[in-house]
Protein backbone atom coordinates (compact mmCIF):
# COMPACT_ATOMS: atom_id res chain seq x y z
CA MET A 1 -42.22 -37.91 15.19
CA THR A 2 -43.53 -34.86 14.29
CA LEU A 3 -41.55 -32.16 12.60
CA GLU A 4 -43.60 -29.87 15.19
CA LYS A 5 -42.57 -31.66 18.39
CA LEU A 6 -38.95 -32.20 17.29
CA LEU A 7 -38.76 -28.17 16.79
CA ALA A 8 -39.64 -27.60 20.51
CA GLY A 9 -37.15 -25.37 22.23
CA VAL A 10 -35.16 -24.49 19.01
CA GLU A 11 -35.21 -21.23 17.55
CA VAL A 12 -37.07 -20.97 14.12
CA LYS A 13 -36.86 -17.88 12.04
CA ALA A 14 -39.23 -19.46 9.19
CA LEU A 15 -41.40 -22.79 8.87
CA HIS A 16 -41.68 -23.42 5.24
CA ALA A 17 -42.92 -27.54 6.20
CA ASP A 18 -46.04 -28.67 7.54
CA PRO A 19 -45.69 -29.24 11.46
CA ALA A 20 -47.26 -32.56 11.31
CA THR A 21 -44.92 -33.97 8.79
CA GLU A 22 -43.46 -37.18 10.28
CA ILE A 23 -39.81 -37.28 10.75
CA SER A 24 -38.10 -41.00 11.09
CA SER A 25 -34.35 -39.94 11.67
CA LEU A 26 -32.11 -37.39 11.59
CA LYS A 27 -29.61 -37.07 9.07
CA ILE A 28 -26.50 -34.90 8.22
CA ASN A 29 -24.64 -36.77 5.31
CA SER A 30 -26.38 -36.09 2.23
CA LYS A 31 -26.04 -39.72 0.86
CA GLU A 32 -27.53 -41.06 3.75
CA VAL A 33 -30.89 -39.10 3.60
CA ARG A 34 -33.98 -41.41 2.79
CA GLU A 35 -37.80 -40.83 2.55
CA GLY A 36 -39.12 -39.37 5.69
CA ASP A 37 -35.91 -38.23 6.99
CA LEU A 38 -34.76 -35.10 8.38
CA PHE A 39 -31.43 -33.34 6.76
CA PHE A 40 -29.40 -30.61 8.75
CA CYS A 41 -27.87 -28.15 6.04
CA MET A 42 -23.90 -27.72 8.12
CA GLU A 43 -21.01 -25.63 6.93
CA GLY A 44 -17.82 -27.64 7.73
CA VAL A 45 -13.98 -26.81 6.98
CA ARG A 46 -13.86 -28.61 3.26
CA ASP A 47 -17.75 -28.72 3.03
CA ASP A 48 -21.20 -27.20 3.21
CA GLY A 49 -24.33 -29.17 3.43
CA ASN A 50 -26.74 -26.26 1.73
CA ARG A 51 -24.59 -27.77 -1.41
CA TYR A 52 -26.39 -31.01 -1.84
CA ILE A 53 -30.07 -30.14 -1.57
CA GLY A 54 -30.71 -30.64 -4.97
CA GLU A 55 -29.09 -33.96 -5.15
CA ILE A 56 -31.28 -35.54 -2.83
CA LYS A 57 -34.19 -37.04 -4.59
CA CYS A 58 -36.43 -38.70 -1.92
CA PRO A 59 -38.90 -35.96 -0.15
CA PHE A 60 -37.53 -35.03 2.69
CA VAL A 61 -36.83 -31.68 4.86
CA ALA A 62 -34.03 -29.57 5.22
CA VAL A 63 -33.26 -27.50 8.50
CA THR A 64 -30.72 -24.73 7.20
CA GLU A 65 -29.55 -21.36 8.62
CA LYS A 66 -30.02 -20.02 4.78
CA THR A 67 -32.68 -19.62 2.34
CA PRO A 68 -32.77 -22.68 0.00
CA SER A 69 -32.84 -22.17 -3.56
CA GLU A 70 -34.13 -25.25 -4.15
CA ASN A 71 -37.98 -26.12 -4.36
CA VAL A 72 -37.65 -28.09 -0.88
CA GLU A 73 -39.63 -28.11 2.51
CA TYR A 74 -36.92 -26.70 4.95
CA VAL A 75 -36.79 -24.92 8.93
CA GLN A 76 -34.58 -21.94 8.69
CA VAL A 77 -33.04 -21.47 12.55
CA GLU A 78 -30.89 -19.27 14.07
CA ASN A 79 -27.90 -21.87 14.60
CA VAL A 80 -28.38 -25.14 12.68
CA ARG A 81 -25.70 -27.42 14.99
CA ARG A 82 -27.67 -26.06 18.43
CA ALA A 83 -30.78 -27.21 16.67
CA TYR A 84 -29.44 -30.39 15.68
CA SER A 85 -28.52 -31.21 19.33
CA VAL A 86 -31.97 -30.14 20.43
CA MET A 87 -34.23 -31.66 18.11
CA SER A 88 -31.72 -34.78 18.82
CA GLN A 89 -32.67 -34.76 22.36
CA ASN A 90 -36.15 -34.12 21.44
CA PHE A 91 -36.34 -37.38 18.92
CA TYR A 92 -35.12 -39.47 21.61
CA LEU A 93 -37.38 -38.15 24.46
CA ASN A 94 -34.76 -36.54 26.18
CA PRO A 95 -32.92 -39.42 27.11
CA LEU A 96 -30.74 -38.03 30.04
CA ASP A 97 -33.71 -37.27 32.32
CA GLY A 98 -33.38 -38.92 34.95
CA MET A 99 -29.83 -39.77 35.15
CA LYS A 100 -26.55 -38.15 36.60
CA PHE A 101 -24.45 -36.78 33.77
CA VAL A 102 -20.98 -36.09 34.35
CA THR A 103 -18.47 -34.52 31.90
CA VAL A 104 -14.82 -33.96 31.52
CA VAL A 105 -12.55 -31.69 29.53
CA GLY A 106 -9.28 -31.26 29.37
CA THR A 107 -6.41 -32.06 27.14
CA ASN A 108 -4.76 -34.75 29.16
CA GLY A 109 -6.32 -36.99 31.54
CA LYS A 110 -10.07 -37.13 29.74
CA THR A 111 -10.02 -41.30 28.96
CA SER A 112 -8.58 -42.35 32.60
CA THR A 113 -10.42 -39.61 34.69
CA ALA A 114 -13.71 -41.01 32.96
CA HIS A 115 -12.75 -44.98 34.02
CA TYR A 116 -11.68 -43.68 37.26
CA ILE A 117 -15.11 -42.29 37.76
CA SER A 118 -17.13 -44.97 36.45
CA SER A 119 -15.36 -47.64 38.32
CA ILE A 120 -16.15 -45.60 41.65
CA LEU A 121 -19.57 -45.47 40.93
CA THR A 122 -19.94 -48.86 40.17
CA HIS A 123 -18.63 -50.18 43.40
CA ALA A 124 -21.02 -47.47 45.06
CA GLY A 125 -23.48 -49.73 43.57
CA MET A 126 -24.11 -47.74 40.42
CA LYS A 127 -24.84 -48.64 37.14
CA THR A 128 -22.49 -46.44 34.41
CA GLY A 129 -22.61 -45.58 31.36
CA VAL A 130 -19.06 -44.10 29.54
CA ILE A 131 -18.47 -42.41 26.57
CA GLY A 132 -14.88 -41.70 25.11
CA THR A 133 -12.18 -42.32 23.14
CA GLU A 134 -11.94 -45.61 23.90
CA GLY A 135 -15.59 -46.37 22.77
CA HIS A 136 -18.62 -46.32 24.49
CA PHE A 137 -19.71 -48.74 27.31
CA ILE A 138 -23.27 -49.58 29.49
CA ALA A 139 -21.99 -51.29 32.78
CA GLY A 140 -18.56 -52.06 31.26
CA GLU A 141 -19.44 -53.54 27.86
CA LYS A 142 -18.94 -51.98 24.88
CA VAL A 143 -21.27 -51.21 22.64
CA GLY A 144 -19.62 -49.01 20.04
CA ALA A 145 -17.00 -47.02 18.86
CA SER A 146 -16.79 -43.64 17.16
CA LEU A 147 -15.49 -39.92 17.94
CA THR A 148 -14.44 -38.89 21.56
CA THR A 149 -17.67 -37.38 21.44
CA PRO A 150 -20.20 -38.77 19.05
CA ASP A 151 -22.36 -36.40 16.70
CA SER A 152 -25.51 -35.33 18.46
CA PHE A 153 -27.99 -38.04 17.02
CA GLU A 154 -25.32 -40.75 17.82
CA LEU A 155 -24.75 -39.20 21.22
CA ASN A 156 -28.49 -38.96 22.24
CA GLY A 157 -29.04 -42.62 20.67
CA LEU A 158 -26.39 -43.78 23.49
CA PHE A 159 -27.95 -42.01 26.33
CA PHE A 160 -31.92 -43.47 25.27
CA LYS A 161 -29.86 -46.96 25.20
CA MET A 162 -28.29 -46.25 28.81
CA ARG A 163 -31.69 -45.03 30.09
CA ALA A 164 -33.23 -48.12 28.89
CA LYS A 165 -30.54 -50.90 30.53
CA GLY A 166 -31.44 -48.67 33.92
CA VAL A 167 -28.29 -46.56 34.44
CA ASP A 168 -27.86 -44.25 37.05
CA ALA A 169 -24.98 -41.76 35.57
CA VAL A 170 -23.39 -41.31 32.15
CA VAL A 171 -19.66 -40.37 31.97
CA SER A 172 -18.91 -38.29 29.08
CA GLU A 173 -15.49 -37.04 27.72
CA VAL A 174 -15.91 -33.97 25.94
CA SER A 175 -13.90 -32.60 23.36
CA ALA A 176 -12.73 -29.53 22.41
CA HIS A 177 -14.44 -30.03 18.77
CA ALA A 178 -17.27 -31.21 20.46
CA ILE A 179 -17.78 -27.99 22.43
CA ARG A 180 -16.84 -25.76 19.02
CA LEU A 181 -19.37 -27.57 17.05
CA ASP A 182 -22.12 -27.40 19.99
CA LYS A 183 -22.39 -31.14 20.20
CA LEU A 184 -23.94 -31.07 23.75
CA CYS A 185 -25.94 -28.04 23.34
CA GLY A 186 -29.08 -28.19 25.76
CA LEU A 187 -27.28 -30.99 27.65
CA LYS A 188 -26.78 -29.79 31.18
CA ALA A 189 -23.99 -31.80 33.19
CA ASP A 190 -24.46 -32.59 37.36
CA ILE A 191 -20.49 -32.12 37.17
CA ALA A 192 -18.01 -31.15 34.94
CA VAL A 193 -14.11 -32.05 35.31
CA PHE A 194 -11.73 -29.68 34.11
CA THR A 195 -7.96 -31.53 33.61
CA ASN A 196 -5.99 -29.08 32.00
CA VAL A 197 -4.99 -27.80 29.02
CA THR A 198 -1.64 -28.06 26.74
CA GLN A 199 -1.01 -28.09 23.03
CA ASP A 200 -2.88 -30.08 21.18
CA HIS A 201 -5.05 -29.31 17.78
CA LEU A 202 -3.29 -26.13 16.89
CA ASP A 203 -4.15 -27.39 13.12
CA TYR A 204 -7.67 -27.10 13.61
CA PHE A 205 -8.31 -24.02 16.12
CA GLY A 206 -4.81 -22.41 14.98
CA ASP A 207 -3.08 -21.25 18.20
CA PHE A 208 -3.23 -22.55 21.84
CA GLU A 209 -5.13 -19.26 23.40
CA THR A 210 -7.81 -20.04 20.83
CA TYR A 211 -7.73 -23.39 21.82
CA LYS A 212 -7.96 -22.95 25.82
CA ASP A 213 -10.62 -20.52 25.27
CA VAL A 214 -13.01 -23.11 23.72
CA LYS A 215 -12.23 -25.54 26.51
CA LEU A 216 -13.02 -23.21 28.81
CA SER A 217 -16.07 -21.76 26.93
CA TYR A 218 -17.75 -24.98 27.95
CA PHE A 219 -17.86 -23.94 31.86
CA CYS A 220 -21.28 -21.53 32.32
CA PRO A 221 -24.42 -21.70 33.96
CA GLU A 222 -26.04 -22.88 30.16
CA ASN A 223 -23.71 -25.96 30.39
CA VAL A 224 -22.77 -27.18 33.95
CA LYS A 225 -24.17 -26.88 37.41
CA LYS A 226 -21.09 -27.43 39.09
CA ALA A 227 -17.48 -27.64 37.89
CA VAL A 228 -14.39 -29.57 39.45
CA VAL A 229 -11.22 -27.82 38.36
CA ASN A 230 -7.64 -28.97 38.72
CA ALA A 231 -6.28 -25.60 40.74
CA ASP A 232 -2.32 -26.74 39.47
CA ASP A 233 -3.08 -26.15 35.92
CA PRO A 234 -2.74 -22.59 35.18
CA ALA A 235 -5.62 -22.32 32.28
CA GLY A 236 -8.11 -24.19 35.67
CA ARG A 237 -6.84 -21.25 38.10
CA GLU A 238 -7.95 -18.92 34.85
CA LEU A 239 -10.93 -20.98 35.03
CA MET A 240 -11.60 -20.98 38.65
CA ARG A 241 -11.32 -16.62 38.80
CA ARG A 242 -14.15 -16.82 36.03
CA LEU A 243 -16.23 -19.29 37.79
CA GLU A 244 -15.94 -16.95 40.67
CA LYS A 245 -17.39 -13.84 38.54
CA THR A 246 -20.27 -15.80 37.16
CA GLY A 247 -21.27 -17.59 40.67
CA LEU A 248 -20.95 -21.22 39.22
CA PRO A 249 -20.06 -23.67 42.05
CA CYS A 250 -16.71 -25.08 41.64
CA VAL A 251 -14.47 -27.41 43.84
CA SER A 252 -10.92 -27.23 43.27
CA TYR A 253 -8.51 -30.24 43.44
CA GLY A 254 -4.35 -30.28 43.12
CA LEU A 255 -1.02 -30.91 44.70
CA ASN A 256 0.70 -27.61 44.59
CA ASN A 257 -1.78 -24.70 45.01
CA PRO A 258 -4.91 -24.33 47.80
CA ALA A 259 -7.35 -27.02 46.91
CA ASP A 260 -10.72 -28.09 48.17
CA THR A 261 -9.13 -31.46 47.56
CA PHE A 262 -5.61 -32.32 47.76
CA ALA A 263 -3.36 -35.17 48.50
CA VAL A 264 -0.57 -35.64 50.94
CA ASN A 265 2.07 -38.25 51.97
CA VAL A 266 2.52 -39.23 47.75
CA ASP A 267 4.40 -42.07 47.68
CA GLU A 268 5.46 -44.79 44.56
CA ASN A 269 7.06 -47.22 43.80
CA ILE A 270 6.52 -50.59 41.67
CA ASP A 271 3.98 -51.60 43.35
CA GLY A 272 1.98 -48.29 42.17
CA ILE A 273 1.41 -44.87 43.90
CA ARG A 274 -0.10 -44.43 47.84
CA PHE A 275 -1.43 -41.11 49.20
CA VAL A 276 -3.78 -39.61 51.49
CA ALA A 277 -6.34 -37.92 49.83
CA ASN A 278 -8.07 -34.97 51.83
CA LEU A 279 -11.63 -34.24 50.63
CA SER A 280 -13.04 -31.21 52.18
CA ASP A 281 -11.97 -32.24 55.13
CA ASP A 282 -13.01 -36.10 54.44
CA ILE A 283 -10.02 -38.53 54.51
CA VAL A 284 -9.22 -41.12 51.66
CA GLU A 285 -6.56 -43.42 51.97
CA VAL A 286 -5.30 -44.20 48.28
CA LYS A 287 -3.42 -47.44 47.60
CA SER A 288 -3.68 -47.99 43.84
CA GLY A 289 -1.75 -49.82 41.42
CA LEU A 290 -1.49 -47.02 38.90
CA PHE A 291 1.77 -45.21 38.56
CA GLY A 292 2.74 -41.49 37.93
CA GLU A 293 1.81 -38.00 38.95
CA PHE A 294 -0.64 -37.52 36.30
CA ASN A 295 -2.43 -40.17 37.74
CA VAL A 296 -2.74 -39.03 41.41
CA TYR A 297 -4.35 -35.92 39.58
CA ASN A 298 -6.87 -38.40 37.69
CA LEU A 299 -7.53 -39.67 40.84
CA LEU A 300 -8.09 -36.76 42.54
CA ALA A 301 -10.61 -35.56 40.14
CA ALA A 302 -12.46 -38.87 39.96
CA LEU A 303 -12.45 -39.14 43.67
CA THR A 304 -13.83 -35.28 44.24
CA VAL A 305 -16.42 -36.20 41.62
CA ALA A 306 -17.95 -39.10 43.72
CA HIS A 307 -17.62 -37.24 47.27
CA GLU A 308 -19.54 -34.63 45.13
CA LEU A 309 -22.47 -37.11 44.29
CA GLY A 310 -22.74 -38.13 47.81
CA ILE A 311 -20.41 -41.38 48.12
CA SER A 312 -18.75 -41.47 51.39
CA ALA A 313 -14.85 -41.58 52.20
CA GLU A 314 -15.39 -45.23 53.47
CA THR A 315 -16.90 -46.87 50.36
CA LEU A 316 -14.38 -44.37 48.20
CA THR A 317 -11.60 -45.98 50.16
CA HIS A 318 -12.37 -49.46 49.30
CA ALA A 319 -13.48 -48.31 45.54
CA VAL A 320 -10.17 -46.56 44.49
CA ARG A 321 -8.28 -50.00 45.18
CA LYS A 322 -10.59 -51.64 42.69
CA ILE A 323 -9.33 -49.18 39.90
CA LYS A 324 -7.53 -50.25 37.12
CA ALA A 325 -5.78 -48.85 34.55
CA VAL A 326 -7.28 -48.24 30.92
CA LYS A 327 -5.43 -50.22 28.41
CA GLY A 328 -3.06 -48.23 26.57
CA ARG A 329 -2.31 -45.60 29.45
CA PHE A 330 0.69 -46.48 30.70
CA SER A 331 0.01 -50.55 30.17
CA ILE A 332 2.83 -52.33 31.74
CA LEU A 333 4.72 -55.41 29.80
CA HIS A 334 7.67 -56.94 30.79
CA ASN A 335 10.26 -59.77 29.21
CA ASP A 336 13.67 -61.17 30.27
CA LYS A 337 15.24 -57.77 29.71
CA GLY A 338 13.04 -55.40 31.59
CA LEU A 339 9.63 -53.35 30.95
CA ILE A 340 7.40 -52.31 27.90
CA ILE A 341 5.24 -49.79 28.44
CA ILE A 342 2.47 -48.56 25.97
CA ASP A 343 1.07 -45.27 26.25
CA TYR A 344 -1.52 -43.28 24.33
CA ALA A 345 0.41 -39.88 24.85
CA HIS A 346 0.74 -37.98 21.76
CA THR A 347 0.92 -34.22 23.13
CA PRO A 348 4.11 -33.12 24.72
CA ASP A 349 2.86 -32.67 28.10
CA GLY A 350 1.72 -36.20 27.79
CA LEU A 351 4.69 -37.74 26.17
CA ALA A 352 6.85 -35.71 28.99
CA ASN A 353 4.38 -36.86 32.02
CA LEU A 354 4.69 -40.65 30.57
CA LEU A 355 8.68 -40.39 30.17
CA ARG A 356 9.06 -38.34 33.28
CA THR A 357 7.14 -41.51 35.42
CA ALA A 358 8.56 -44.35 33.24
CA ARG A 359 12.16 -43.02 34.14
CA THR A 360 11.49 -43.45 37.41
CA LEU A 361 10.83 -47.75 36.80
CA THR A 362 13.78 -47.66 34.76
CA LYS A 363 16.87 -49.25 35.88
CA SER A 364 19.16 -49.23 33.20
CA ARG A 365 18.13 -47.34 30.11
CA LEU A 366 14.85 -45.85 28.65
CA VAL A 367 14.48 -46.43 24.76
CA THR A 368 11.07 -44.06 23.31
CA VAL A 369 9.67 -45.36 20.57
CA PHE A 370 7.25 -42.97 18.97
CA GLY A 371 5.88 -40.70 16.13
CA CYS A 372 3.35 -38.01 15.36
CA GLY A 373 0.04 -37.40 13.24
CA GLY A 374 -0.14 -36.51 9.69
CA GLU A 375 -1.93 -33.86 8.88
CA ARG A 376 -2.12 -32.44 12.32
CA ASP A 377 -0.44 -29.67 14.37
CA ARG A 378 3.18 -29.79 12.64
CA SER A 379 4.49 -27.36 15.33
CA LYS A 380 4.50 -30.30 18.37
CA ARG A 381 6.87 -32.43 16.33
CA ALA A 382 10.33 -30.86 17.50
CA ILE A 383 8.86 -29.85 20.76
CA MET A 384 8.02 -33.34 21.57
CA GLY A 385 11.38 -34.85 19.58
CA LYS A 386 12.98 -32.43 22.15
CA ILE A 387 11.56 -33.75 24.92
CA ALA A 388 11.78 -37.48 24.15
CA SER A 389 15.74 -36.94 23.59
CA GLU A 390 15.57 -35.38 27.18
CA TYR A 391 14.16 -37.91 29.25
CA SER A 392 15.73 -40.97 26.85
CA ASP A 393 18.81 -42.71 26.40
CA PHE A 394 17.97 -43.68 23.22
CA VAL A 395 14.81 -42.49 20.73
CA VAL A 396 13.24 -44.12 18.01
CA VAL A 397 11.42 -42.24 15.46
CA THR A 398 8.85 -43.69 13.66
CA SER A 399 5.04 -43.85 11.91
CA ASP A 400 2.01 -42.85 13.81
CA ASN A 401 -1.46 -42.44 11.17
CA PRO A 402 0.69 -40.23 8.55
CA ARG A 403 -2.70 -40.35 6.85
CA PHE A 404 -2.21 -38.18 3.64
CA GLU A 405 1.37 -36.99 4.40
CA ASN A 406 4.60 -38.38 3.61
CA PRO A 407 5.91 -40.32 6.97
CA GLU A 408 9.15 -39.27 6.03
CA ASN A 409 8.59 -35.38 6.15
CA ILE A 410 6.92 -35.95 9.48
CA ILE A 411 9.65 -38.35 11.11
CA ALA A 412 12.49 -34.88 9.87
CA ASP A 413 10.13 -32.36 11.50
CA ILE A 414 10.35 -34.17 14.59
CA VAL A 415 13.66 -35.24 14.05
CA ALA A 416 14.61 -31.62 13.74
CA GLY A 417 13.88 -31.22 17.84
CA ILE A 418 15.93 -33.96 19.12
CA ARG A 419 19.20 -32.58 21.35
CA GLY A 420 21.80 -34.70 22.76
CA ALA A 421 20.51 -38.33 22.50
CA ASP A 422 20.83 -40.84 19.78
CA PHE A 423 18.26 -41.89 17.69
CA LYS A 424 17.22 -43.78 14.99
CA THR A 425 14.43 -43.67 12.50
CA PHE A 426 12.48 -46.09 10.48
CA VAL A 427 9.03 -45.37 8.85
CA ASP A 428 7.62 -48.61 9.26
CA ARG A 429 6.04 -48.95 13.13
CA THR A 430 6.96 -52.40 13.05
CA GLU A 431 10.31 -52.55 11.97
CA ALA A 432 10.85 -49.76 14.62
CA ILE A 433 9.48 -51.68 17.55
CA ALA A 434 11.24 -54.70 16.62
CA PHE A 435 14.45 -53.14 16.65
CA ALA A 436 13.97 -51.31 19.74
CA MET A 437 13.50 -54.47 21.57
CA SER A 438 16.31 -56.27 19.88
CA GLU A 439 18.38 -53.40 21.34
CA MET A 440 17.06 -54.09 25.02
CA LEU A 441 19.72 -54.88 27.42
CA GLU A 442 19.03 -56.25 31.04
CA GLY A 443 16.97 -53.64 33.10
CA ASP A 444 16.17 -51.35 30.33
CA THR A 445 12.73 -49.79 29.47
CA VAL A 446 11.37 -49.37 26.09
CA VAL A 447 8.22 -46.90 26.29
CA ILE A 448 5.83 -47.41 23.06
CA ALA A 449 3.90 -44.26 22.79
CA GLY A 450 1.19 -42.43 20.34
CA LYS A 451 -1.46 -45.05 19.89
CA GLY A 452 -1.99 -46.96 23.03
CA SER A 453 -4.76 -49.19 22.24
CA GLU A 454 -5.64 -48.21 19.17
CA ASP A 455 -6.05 -50.80 16.47
CA TYR A 456 -5.22 -49.37 13.25
CA LEU A 457 -2.36 -47.88 11.38
CA GLU A 458 -4.09 -44.40 9.30
CA VAL A 459 -2.36 -44.64 5.99
CA CYS A 460 -3.41 -42.83 2.89
CA GLY A 461 -7.15 -42.96 3.77
CA ARG A 462 -7.04 -46.99 4.96
CA LYS A 463 -7.29 -48.07 8.37
CA ILE A 464 -4.82 -50.48 8.22
CA PRO A 465 -4.84 -53.59 11.15
CA TYR A 466 -2.59 -53.02 13.48
CA SER A 467 -1.71 -53.23 17.64
CA ASP A 468 0.93 -52.06 19.64
CA PHE A 469 0.60 -54.56 22.09
CA ASP A 470 0.40 -57.65 19.50
CA THR A 471 3.81 -55.98 17.70
CA ALA A 472 5.61 -56.31 21.54
CA ARG A 473 4.29 -59.19 22.26
CA ARG A 474 5.48 -60.85 18.95
CA TRP A 475 9.13 -58.90 18.62
CA GLY A 476 9.80 -58.38 22.47
CA GLN A 477 8.55 -61.69 23.77
CA ALA A 478 6.64 -59.39 26.19
CA ARG A 479 3.79 -61.03 28.60
């Protein structure tokens, strides 16, 4: 594709390159640039792409906000990240055209909500694509895995594959990092879901207010046609007030505050959750094998999206019964002593929701095994230690992707928050789980939190093969 065609819709300040130049690919890593590529000079937290222009030996064109000191062909733009997103769309011929686009924004519940939406739409006869933390899927087939919200070029490449395979609707998780970095600039969601905002990623965003405002900033007419918002979340109510001022259509859902979609007669037992959903006066009888109040919210969000896309209440009633839990999201295993629950919860709110629900299923003691990631928000570690001790009879503190940080220091930060509960610490996660399993008594529940279906431990720059599921099966005779 020519440079001129790629630049359609981009704010260009200066063009010092032949617009007829044929571009073979778009790159943001200088080491990957080859002849015919277009290199985008992005400033990151630790580095600046403009530094590497002189190191690239083959002929190329650079896209930058600065004026290069090197003698290269370049395009100077107003905002290089926004330009990268728009030009990625142009490169793949605006691949979202003709497909419905649903996005899910929030700290907790993004993955489950996205997969529940996809499941309902699939049951209704639509072919779906899903992009998110658990990987990227086309009609249920996994086609790759990367970041929760991939790089703009990869993202549009996925859209292109989806359109080629006849996908009707794309459901994508959207992280706060992706919003801050303009990964979706120029991509307008037909419906965007807001689940909640709770503490996370403060190592990157600095404070909770900044993190929250980044999430809420996505919900504007430039990015979204209609919003579906959790009316029970404080930030959700703030967002609803903002949307009322902007005139952006909004459909609310919740349990405790007035909402367009709400649930009544909520009941939970060992078989799952039951409730009646009222979707703007259309009634859906929900019977599900999922667990927890958090999943009531996830299902309400998914039902609301499907309803707004025109799916009938009758179809929704049947479709919701087909939904299966995402692996690593409150996955229940059994052994001859009791229950083993594996979950991705890695935030204070996520851990509290997980343990609150696990406690309702526990006949005897609740034992919690968890850790916190290294080189991430330190302030949440003691908070999560306190939460674990409040809900658990015994806490086992261990490693969870320590990265380049000393795992003993991470564990010490967590232990500082533990109050009242007995606890034990293990740097080795396998040893921690093996200990918890060996201590199980009749009727106990062991919760293993933080990694879910992740298949690695990240230690000192290496991803070491590891699975909570495999470990639980090996040491707990879980099935």
